[in-house]
Amino acid sequence: MTDAPPEAGARPLDAKQIAELARQLTELLRLRTLPFGMKLFESAEEMAKIPGLRRPPQGRTFSTCQLVTQARIAGFTMGITHENVPGFSNCGGVIGLNEPSELYLSGRKFEGVWFENREAARKHQAEMPRVPPRYAGLCVSPLRSARLDPPDICLFYANPAQMILFINGLQWKTYRRFDFSITGESACADSWGKALRDRAPSLSIPCYAERRYGGVADDEMLMALPPADLAVAVEGLIGLSKAGLRYPIMPYGPQADPAEGMAKSYAGKT
C-alpha cells in the first residue's frame, strides 16, 4: 500500500521527501528508469559541494540529454559548466549556461537541415523556451539519491499511458487544464528548458537528437515539473488507484459491452 505523500504546499519539500515521492511514483506507474532532478547553480564552486558529483573528463563534452541518460539509467550525479557542453550545440543556451550564438539565433545553423529556409529556422530559435543566461552550472541527479536539496525541477520518462494517468493525478484534487508546447527539434527546450524557466509542469515529445544521442526509446515522453507539483500528482495517483484507475490499464476489448466495465468506477453515480 502506497503511503500518502507529503502535504503539497504546506512547506518546501526537502530532498528526502522528494526521494520518497520518486519511490511512490515509480511504484504507481511502474517506471522503467529512475526519476531525476535538475538544479541550476550561479557558482560552480557551490555545485562542487554536491556529494558524489561526477564531472566530464578534461576535454570531454556531453549533450544535456546524454547527461540525463547517465542519471536516469546509471544513477550518476552529473555536473556541467559551459565548458562541458558541445560548442556546436544548443544545450547551454537552453539551460542558461550561455547566450546562444548568432549562428543559432540567425537560423543559419538549422537552415537546410531541420528547416527549408533561414527564416523558418530563425523563427524556431526565437520561440524556443530558454533559461536566462546567468548560471555557472547544472547538476542532474536521481531523486532517490537525495543529493539535490531540493532540485529546481523533477523529471521522469514514461510512455503515453503512464503520462496521461500522471496528468490525471495532477488534476485529481484541483482541476486545471494543461497546454504543453511543441518546439520540434531541440525538444529539451519544452521539457527542462521550459520547466526551469517557468517552474511549471511541462510535457514534451523527445526529439531526434534526444533519441539518437540520449538513447530515449520510441515510446518515451518526458515530464518536467517543480517538486510541489510532483507531490500533488502522487497524491492524485493514489486517489485514482483507490478508485480502480491505475497502471497498467487493462484493455476491456473493442467488442465488449462497456457498461459492465464502467459500472466498476461509476456505480451509484446516476
Protein backbone atom coordinates (compact mmCIF):
# COMPACT_ATOMS: atom_id res chain seq x y z
CA MET A 1 0.00 0.00 0.00
CA THR A 2 1.45 3.37 -1.01
CA ASP A 3 1.56 5.89 1.84
CA ALA A 4 0.11 9.36 1.47
CA PRO A 5 2.70 11.83 0.07
CA PRO A 6 3.76 14.98 1.93
CA GLU A 7 1.05 17.61 2.03
CA ALA A 8 1.60 19.78 -1.06
CA GLY A 9 2.01 23.48 -0.34
CA ALA A 10 2.48 23.04 3.43
CA ARG A 11 6.20 23.85 3.30
CA PRO A 12 9.02 23.41 0.76
CA LEU A 13 9.82 19.73 0.28
CA ASP A 14 13.27 18.54 1.29
CA ALA A 15 15.40 16.05 -0.61
CA LYS A 16 14.33 13.04 1.47
CA GLN A 17 10.65 13.80 0.97
CA ILE A 18 11.23 14.14 -2.78
CA ALA A 19 13.13 10.84 -2.82
CA GLU A 20 10.08 9.18 -1.23
CA LEU A 21 7.81 10.79 -3.83
CA ALA A 22 10.07 9.35 -6.55
CA ARG A 23 9.78 5.90 -4.99
CA GLN A 24 5.98 6.17 -4.89
CA LEU A 25 5.85 7.47 -8.46
CA THR A 26 7.98 4.57 -9.69
CA GLU A 27 5.73 2.10 -7.89
CA LEU A 28 2.44 3.66 -9.01
CA LEU A 29 3.41 3.97 -12.68
CA ARG A 30 5.92 1.08 -12.86
CA LEU A 31 8.52 3.31 -14.43
CA ARG A 32 11.39 1.69 -16.34
CA THR A 33 14.04 4.26 -15.42
CA LEU A 34 14.83 6.48 -12.44
CA PRO A 35 13.06 9.82 -11.86
CA PHE A 36 15.72 12.52 -11.58
CA GLY A 37 16.17 16.15 -10.64
CA MET A 38 17.91 19.20 -12.06
CA LYS A 39 19.35 22.14 -10.19
CA LEU A 40 20.99 25.29 -11.56
CA PHE A 41 23.90 26.96 -9.76
CA GLU A 42 25.14 30.53 -10.03
CA SER A 43 28.52 29.34 -8.74
CA ALA A 44 30.48 26.30 -9.95
CA GLU A 45 32.10 26.15 -6.51
CA GLU A 46 28.69 25.75 -4.90
CA MET A 47 27.81 22.94 -7.33
CA ALA A 48 31.09 21.19 -6.48
CA LYS A 49 29.81 20.65 -2.92
CA ILE A 50 27.17 18.16 -4.13
CA PRO A 51 28.01 14.70 -2.69
CA GLY A 52 29.14 12.14 -5.25
CA LEU A 53 29.34 14.71 -8.05
CA ARG A 54 30.84 13.49 -11.33
CA ARG A 55 32.23 15.85 -13.96
CA PRO A 56 33.06 15.12 -17.60
CA PRO A 57 36.75 14.23 -18.10
CA GLN A 58 39.06 17.05 -19.19
CA GLY A 59 38.35 17.98 -22.79
CA ARG A 60 35.21 15.79 -22.98
CA THR A 61 31.76 17.22 -23.63
CA PHE A 62 28.27 15.79 -23.29
CA SER A 63 24.93 16.96 -24.60
CA THR A 64 22.37 17.58 -21.86
CA CYS A 65 20.30 14.60 -22.99
CA GLN A 66 23.37 12.37 -22.58
CA LEU A 67 23.79 13.62 -19.00
CA VAL A 68 20.13 12.89 -18.31
CA THR A 69 20.50 9.32 -19.56
CA GLN A 70 23.51 8.73 -17.30
CA ALA A 71 21.42 9.90 -14.34
CA ARG A 72 18.21 8.02 -15.08
CA ILE A 73 19.77 4.72 -16.17
CA ALA A 74 23.19 4.50 -14.48
CA GLY A 75 22.18 6.55 -11.41
CA PHE A 76 25.06 9.03 -11.76
CA THR A 77 25.06 12.54 -10.28
CA MET A 78 26.47 14.68 -13.11
CA GLY A 79 27.53 18.33 -13.05
CA ILE A 80 28.37 20.50 -16.03
CA THR A 81 29.53 24.03 -16.74
CA HIS A 82 29.63 25.95 -20.02
CA GLU A 83 32.91 24.24 -20.98
CA ASN A 84 31.32 20.78 -20.75
CA VAL A 85 28.58 21.24 -23.37
CA PRO A 86 29.39 20.95 -27.08
CA GLY A 87 30.16 24.31 -28.68
CA PHE A 88 28.18 23.30 -31.76
CA SER A 89 25.05 22.50 -29.74
CA ASN A 90 22.15 24.50 -28.33
CA CYS A 91 22.42 22.79 -24.92
CA GLY A 92 23.99 25.59 -22.90
CA GLY A 93 21.61 28.20 -24.30
CA VAL A 94 18.56 26.19 -23.25
CA ILE A 95 19.64 25.75 -19.62
CA GLY A 96 21.08 29.22 -19.01
CA LEU A 97 24.80 28.42 -19.11
CA ASN A 98 25.46 30.70 -22.08
CA GLU A 99 23.87 33.02 -24.62
CA PRO A 100 23.06 31.29 -27.93
CA SER A 101 25.41 32.39 -30.68
CA GLU A 102 24.44 34.34 -33.79
CA LEU A 103 24.94 31.13 -35.75
CA TYR A 104 21.85 29.73 -33.98
CA LEU A 105 19.79 32.88 -33.49
CA SER A 106 20.08 33.87 -37.16
CA GLY A 107 18.83 30.46 -38.28
CA ARG A 108 22.00 29.62 -40.24
CA LYS A 109 22.73 26.50 -38.16
CA PHE A 110 19.40 24.78 -38.90
CA GLU A 111 18.82 26.13 -42.42
CA GLY A 112 18.67 23.24 -44.88
CA VAL A 113 18.76 20.73 -42.03
CA TRP A 114 15.58 20.97 -39.94
CA PHE A 115 14.06 23.82 -41.95
CA GLU A 116 13.90 24.54 -45.65
CA ASN A 117 14.82 28.21 -45.27
CA ARG A 118 16.63 30.53 -42.89
CA GLU A 119 13.53 32.47 -41.85
CA ALA A 120 11.79 29.32 -40.59
CA ALA A 121 14.97 28.33 -38.73
CA ARG A 122 15.33 31.83 -37.24
CA LYS A 123 11.74 31.83 -36.03
CA HIS A 124 12.25 28.41 -34.43
CA GLN A 125 15.20 29.75 -32.44
CA ALA A 126 13.32 32.91 -31.43
CA GLU A 127 10.41 30.89 -30.00
CA MET A 128 12.42 28.28 -28.07
CA PRO A 129 11.87 28.41 -24.29
CA ARG A 130 15.24 29.21 -22.67
CA VAL A 131 16.55 29.88 -19.18
CA PRO A 132 18.12 33.38 -18.82
CA PRO A 133 21.93 33.05 -19.28
CA ARG A 134 23.10 33.78 -15.74
CA TYR A 135 24.10 30.37 -14.39
CA ALA A 136 27.51 28.74 -14.00
CA GLY A 137 26.49 25.11 -13.60
CA LEU A 138 23.76 22.50 -13.83
CA CYS A 139 23.57 19.28 -11.81
CA VAL A 140 21.46 16.25 -12.77
CA SER A 141 20.89 13.51 -10.19
CA PRO A 142 18.46 10.65 -9.45
CA LEU A 143 15.82 11.80 -6.97
CA ARG A 144 16.37 8.66 -4.88
CA SER A 145 19.90 9.81 -4.01
CA ALA A 146 18.55 12.98 -2.27
CA ARG A 147 21.71 14.84 -3.28
CA LEU A 148 19.94 17.92 -4.64
CA ASP A 149 18.28 19.57 -1.64
CA PRO A 150 15.97 20.44 -3.20
CA PRO A 151 16.13 20.15 -7.01
CA ASP A 152 14.67 23.00 -9.02
CA ILE A 153 12.63 20.53 -11.07
CA CYS A 154 11.84 16.82 -11.09
CA LEU A 155 11.71 14.80 -14.31
CA PHE A 156 10.84 11.31 -15.49
CA TYR A 157 10.38 9.41 -18.76
CA ALA A 158 7.23 7.35 -19.32
CA ASN A 159 5.03 6.01 -22.07
CA PRO A 160 1.82 7.81 -23.15
CA ALA A 161 -0.46 5.64 -20.97
CA GLN A 162 1.63 6.39 -17.88
CA MET A 163 1.76 10.08 -18.77
CA ILE A 164 -1.99 10.56 -19.10
CA LEU A 165 -2.54 8.90 -15.72
CA PHE A 166 0.10 11.20 -14.22
CA ILE A 167 -1.68 14.24 -15.66
CA ASN A 168 -4.97 12.86 -14.33
CA GLY A 169 -3.22 12.77 -10.94
CA LEU A 170 -2.23 16.43 -11.28
CA GLN A 171 -5.89 17.24 -11.92
CA TRP A 172 -7.44 14.93 -9.30
CA LYS A 173 -7.75 17.33 -6.33
CA THR A 174 -7.80 20.71 -8.07
CA TYR A 175 -8.59 20.69 -11.78
CA ARG A 176 -6.53 22.74 -14.21
CA ARG A 177 -6.16 22.47 -17.96
CA PHE A 178 -2.66 21.93 -19.30
CA ASP A 179 -1.42 23.24 -22.64
CA PHE A 180 2.04 21.96 -23.50
CA SER A 181 4.30 23.34 -26.22
CA ILE A 182 5.96 21.64 -29.18
CA THR A 183 9.25 23.20 -30.29
CA GLY A 184 10.08 20.38 -32.70
CA GLU A 185 13.81 19.73 -32.84
CA SER A 186 15.54 20.77 -29.60
CA ALA A 187 12.56 19.45 -27.62
CA CYS A 188 14.66 19.77 -24.46
CA ALA A 189 13.53 23.40 -24.56
CA ASP A 190 9.97 22.15 -23.97
CA SER A 191 10.94 19.91 -21.04
CA TRP A 192 13.76 21.04 -18.78
CA GLY A 193 14.19 24.42 -20.51
CA LYS A 194 10.57 25.50 -20.04
CA ALA A 195 10.16 23.92 -16.61
CA LEU A 196 13.39 25.50 -15.30
CA ARG A 197 12.34 28.87 -16.69
CA ASP A 198 8.68 28.87 -15.68
CA ARG A 199 8.68 26.45 -12.72
CA ALA A 200 5.53 24.81 -14.07
CA PRO A 201 4.70 21.31 -15.39
CA SER A 202 5.88 20.71 -18.95
CA LEU A 203 5.35 17.60 -21.07
CA SER A 204 7.47 17.03 -24.17
CA ILE A 205 7.82 14.60 -27.04
CA PRO A 206 11.58 13.91 -27.14
CA CYS A 207 13.22 14.98 -30.38
CA TYR A 208 15.53 13.23 -32.86
CA ALA A 209 18.68 14.32 -31.00
CA GLU A 210 17.42 13.04 -27.63
CA ARG A 211 16.70 9.67 -29.20
CA ARG A 212 19.94 9.50 -31.21
CA TYR A 213 22.35 10.76 -28.53
CA GLY A 214 20.38 10.35 -25.31
CA GLY A 215 19.08 6.90 -26.16
CA VAL A 216 15.43 7.80 -25.50
CA ALA A 217 13.14 4.92 -26.53
CA ASP A 218 10.48 5.27 -29.23
CA ASP A 219 7.59 5.10 -26.75
CA GLU A 220 9.02 7.52 -24.17
CA MET A 221 7.78 11.00 -23.34
CA LEU A 222 9.29 13.36 -20.76
CA MET A 223 7.60 15.23 -17.91
CA ALA A 224 9.36 18.03 -16.02
CA LEU A 225 7.81 19.89 -13.08
CA PRO A 226 8.56 21.50 -9.71
CA PRO A 227 8.72 19.26 -6.62
CA ALA A 228 5.45 20.66 -5.21
CA ASP A 229 3.60 19.58 -8.35
CA LEU A 230 5.14 16.12 -8.10
CA ALA A 231 3.61 15.84 -4.61
CA VAL A 232 0.22 16.92 -5.99
CA ALA A 233 0.40 14.31 -8.77
CA VAL A 234 1.43 11.44 -6.49
CA GLU A 235 -1.44 12.26 -4.13
CA GLY A 236 -3.74 12.22 -7.16
CA LEU A 237 -2.36 8.91 -8.43
CA ILE A 238 -3.04 7.34 -5.04
CA GLY A 239 -6.61 8.65 -5.17
CA LEU A 240 -7.11 7.34 -8.68
CA SER A 241 -5.69 3.97 -7.67
CA LYS A 242 -8.22 3.68 -4.86
CA ALA A 243 -10.93 4.31 -7.47
CA GLY A 244 -9.55 1.41 -9.54
CA LEU A 245 -7.83 3.64 -12.10
CA ARG A 246 -4.22 2.53 -12.17
CA TYR A 247 -1.35 1.44 -14.41
CA PRO A 248 -1.16 -0.82 -16.33
CA ILE A 249 -4.52 -0.09 -17.90
CA MET A 250 -6.23 -3.43 -18.53
CA PRO A 251 -7.78 -3.48 -22.03
CA TYR A 252 -11.51 -4.21 -21.89
CA GLY A 253 -11.92 -5.19 -25.53
CA PRO A 254 -13.33 -3.35 -28.57
CA GLN A 255 -16.31 -5.74 -28.94
CA ALA A 256 -17.34 -5.95 -25.28
CA ASP A 257 -20.25 -4.02 -23.78
CA PRO A 258 -18.55 -1.16 -21.87
CA ALA A 259 -21.40 -0.85 -19.38
CA GLU A 260 -20.05 -3.59 -17.11
CA GLY A 261 -16.57 -2.12 -17.01
CA MET A 262 -17.81 1.43 -16.40
CA ALA A 263 -20.07 0.21 -13.62
CA LYS A 264 -16.94 -0.60 -11.61
CA SER A 265 -15.99 3.07 -11.47
CA TYR A 266 -19.32 4.87 -11.85
CA ALA A 267 -21.60 2.70 -9.70
CA GLY A 268 -24.20 4.80 -7.91
CA LYS A 269 -23.40 7.95 -9.94
CA THR A 270 -26.75 8.03 -11.81
